[in-house]
Amino acid sequence: MSGNQAIVSGRKINLRNALASGEVQEYTWLISGSGSVTIESGVPTAGSKTVSVNLK
């Protein structure tokens, strides 16, 4: 996140144990500011995925 962005709600880093088969976990954030933020999710055994989101 850049200097003009702030997390209003939600945690910057979320750590959890492994998901069971078919289990789903959802995270949400409210971010104040403009520009784009990068979200990364990953696990040691399967790698990671990164997505960039443009704030409006």
N, C-alpha and C. Protein backbone atom coordinates (compact mmCIF):
# COMPACT_ATOMS: atom_id res chain seq x y z
N MET A 1 0.85 -1.17 0.00
CA MET A 1 0.00 0.00 0.00
C MET A 1 0.89 1.23 0.00
N SER A 2 0.42 2.27 -0.65
CA SER A 2 1.21 3.50 -0.73
C SER A 2 0.82 4.45 0.39
N GLY A 3 1.49 5.59 0.44
CA GLY A 3 1.28 6.56 1.51
C GLY A 3 -0.10 7.17 1.56
N ASN A 4 -0.83 7.19 0.42
CA ASN A 4 -2.17 7.80 0.43
C ASN A 4 -3.27 6.77 0.66
N GLN A 5 -2.92 5.56 1.12
CA GLN A 5 -3.90 4.51 1.35
C GLN A 5 -3.83 4.05 2.81
N ALA A 6 -4.98 3.68 3.36
CA ALA A 6 -5.05 3.19 4.73
C ALA A 6 -6.12 2.12 4.83
N ILE A 7 -5.86 1.08 5.61
CA ILE A 7 -6.87 0.05 5.86
C ILE A 7 -7.81 0.57 6.94
N VAL A 8 -9.10 0.71 6.59
CA VAL A 8 -10.12 1.19 7.52
C VAL A 8 -10.64 0.01 8.34
N SER A 9 -10.86 -1.13 7.70
CA SER A 9 -11.26 -2.34 8.42
C SER A 9 -10.64 -3.55 7.74
N GLY A 10 -10.40 -4.59 8.52
CA GLY A 10 -9.74 -5.79 8.02
C GLY A 10 -8.29 -5.79 8.46
N ARG A 11 -7.69 -6.96 8.46
CA ARG A 11 -6.30 -7.11 8.87
C ARG A 11 -5.39 -7.15 7.64
N LYS A 12 -4.22 -6.53 7.74
CA LYS A 12 -3.28 -6.49 6.63
C LYS A 12 -2.78 -7.90 6.30
N ILE A 13 -2.50 -8.71 7.32
CA ILE A 13 -2.03 -10.08 7.14
C ILE A 13 -2.96 -11.02 7.88
N ASN A 14 -3.40 -12.07 7.20
CA ASN A 14 -4.27 -13.09 7.80
C ASN A 14 -3.57 -14.44 7.67
N LEU A 15 -3.29 -15.08 8.80
CA LEU A 15 -2.68 -16.41 8.80
C LEU A 15 -3.69 -17.40 9.35
N ARG A 16 -3.75 -18.57 8.74
CA ARG A 16 -4.66 -19.60 9.22
C ARG A 16 -4.11 -20.97 8.90
N ASN A 17 -4.66 -21.98 9.55
CA ASN A 17 -4.27 -23.36 9.27
C ASN A 17 -4.88 -23.81 7.94
N ALA A 18 -4.51 -25.00 7.50
CA ALA A 18 -4.97 -25.53 6.22
C ALA A 18 -6.50 -25.63 6.18
N LEU A 19 -7.05 -25.42 4.99
CA LEU A 19 -8.49 -25.59 4.76
C LEU A 19 -8.79 -27.07 4.52
N ALA A 20 -9.90 -27.52 5.02
CA ALA A 20 -10.35 -28.88 4.74
C ALA A 20 -10.87 -28.95 3.31
N SER A 21 -11.00 -30.14 2.79
CA SER A 21 -11.50 -30.33 1.44
C SER A 21 -12.88 -29.69 1.30
N GLY A 22 -13.05 -28.80 0.32
CA GLY A 22 -14.32 -28.14 0.07
C GLY A 22 -14.57 -26.92 0.96
N GLU A 23 -13.67 -26.65 1.90
CA GLU A 23 -13.85 -25.51 2.79
C GLU A 23 -13.46 -24.22 2.08
N VAL A 24 -14.15 -23.13 2.43
CA VAL A 24 -13.91 -21.83 1.83
C VAL A 24 -13.65 -20.82 2.95
N GLN A 25 -12.73 -19.90 2.72
CA GLN A 25 -12.46 -18.82 3.67
C GLN A 25 -12.52 -17.51 2.91
N GLU A 26 -13.26 -16.55 3.44
CA GLU A 26 -13.41 -15.25 2.78
C GLU A 26 -12.84 -14.15 3.67
N TYR A 27 -12.11 -13.23 3.06
CA TYR A 27 -11.56 -12.07 3.76
C TYR A 27 -12.02 -10.81 3.06
N THR A 28 -12.30 -9.77 3.82
CA THR A 28 -12.69 -8.49 3.24
C THR A 28 -11.89 -7.37 3.87
N TRP A 29 -11.68 -6.30 3.10
CA TRP A 29 -10.97 -5.12 3.56
C TRP A 29 -11.72 -3.89 3.07
N LEU A 30 -11.67 -2.85 3.86
CA LEU A 30 -12.14 -1.53 3.45
C LEU A 30 -10.90 -0.65 3.44
N ILE A 31 -10.55 -0.14 2.26
CA ILE A 31 -9.31 0.63 2.10
C ILE A 31 -9.66 2.03 1.63
N SER A 32 -9.14 3.02 2.35
CA SER A 32 -9.33 4.42 2.00
C SER A 32 -8.14 4.87 1.16
N GLY A 33 -8.41 5.57 0.06
CA GLY A 33 -7.34 6.07 -0.78
C GLY A 33 -7.63 5.85 -2.25
N SER A 34 -6.60 6.06 -3.06
CA SER A 34 -6.74 5.87 -4.50
C SER A 34 -5.51 5.14 -5.02
N GLY A 35 -5.57 4.78 -6.29
CA GLY A 35 -4.47 4.03 -6.90
C GLY A 35 -4.79 2.55 -6.92
N SER A 36 -3.78 1.71 -6.75
CA SER A 36 -4.00 0.27 -6.77
C SER A 36 -3.33 -0.38 -5.57
N VAL A 37 -3.87 -1.51 -5.16
CA VAL A 37 -3.30 -2.33 -4.09
C VAL A 37 -3.08 -3.73 -4.64
N THR A 38 -2.11 -4.44 -4.09
CA THR A 38 -1.81 -5.79 -4.50
C THR A 38 -2.18 -6.74 -3.37
N ILE A 39 -2.92 -7.79 -3.70
CA ILE A 39 -3.32 -8.81 -2.74
C ILE A 39 -2.61 -10.10 -3.12
N GLU A 40 -1.96 -10.72 -2.14
CA GLU A 40 -1.25 -11.97 -2.39
C GLU A 40 -1.76 -13.05 -1.44
N SER A 41 -2.01 -14.23 -1.97
CA SER A 41 -2.44 -15.37 -1.19
C SER A 41 -1.56 -16.55 -1.57
N GLY A 42 -1.16 -17.35 -0.58
CA GLY A 42 -0.31 -18.47 -0.92
C GLY A 42 -0.16 -19.48 0.19
N VAL A 43 0.34 -20.64 -0.20
CA VAL A 43 0.66 -21.72 0.73
C VAL A 43 1.98 -22.34 0.30
N PRO A 44 2.77 -22.85 1.24
CA PRO A 44 4.07 -23.42 0.89
C PRO A 44 3.99 -24.58 -0.11
N THR A 45 2.94 -25.38 -0.05
CA THR A 45 2.86 -26.56 -0.90
C THR A 45 2.28 -26.31 -2.28
N ALA A 46 1.61 -25.18 -2.49
CA ALA A 46 0.94 -24.94 -3.77
C ALA A 46 1.36 -23.64 -4.44
N GLY A 47 2.17 -22.81 -3.79
CA GLY A 47 2.59 -21.56 -4.40
C GLY A 47 1.69 -20.40 -3.99
N SER A 48 1.78 -19.32 -4.75
CA SER A 48 1.00 -18.13 -4.39
C SER A 48 0.35 -17.52 -5.62
N LYS A 49 -0.62 -16.68 -5.37
CA LYS A 49 -1.35 -15.96 -6.41
C LYS A 49 -1.40 -14.50 -6.01
N THR A 50 -1.13 -13.60 -6.94
CA THR A 50 -1.15 -12.17 -6.69
C THR A 50 -2.13 -11.51 -7.66
N VAL A 51 -2.91 -10.57 -7.13
CA VAL A 51 -3.86 -9.84 -7.96
C VAL A 51 -3.76 -8.35 -7.59
N SER A 52 -3.84 -7.48 -8.57
CA SER A 52 -3.81 -6.05 -8.36
C SER A 52 -5.23 -5.50 -8.50
N VAL A 53 -5.65 -4.64 -7.56
CA VAL A 53 -6.99 -4.09 -7.56
C VAL A 53 -6.89 -2.57 -7.63
N ASN A 54 -7.60 -1.96 -8.57
CA ASN A 54 -7.64 -0.51 -8.68
C ASN A 54 -8.73 0.04 -7.77
N LEU A 55 -8.35 0.97 -6.88
CA LEU A 55 -9.33 1.58 -5.99
C LEU A 55 -10.05 2.70 -6.70
N LYS A 56 -11.33 2.86 -6.42
CA LYS A 56 -12.13 3.91 -7.05
C LYS A 56 -12.58 4.91 -6.03
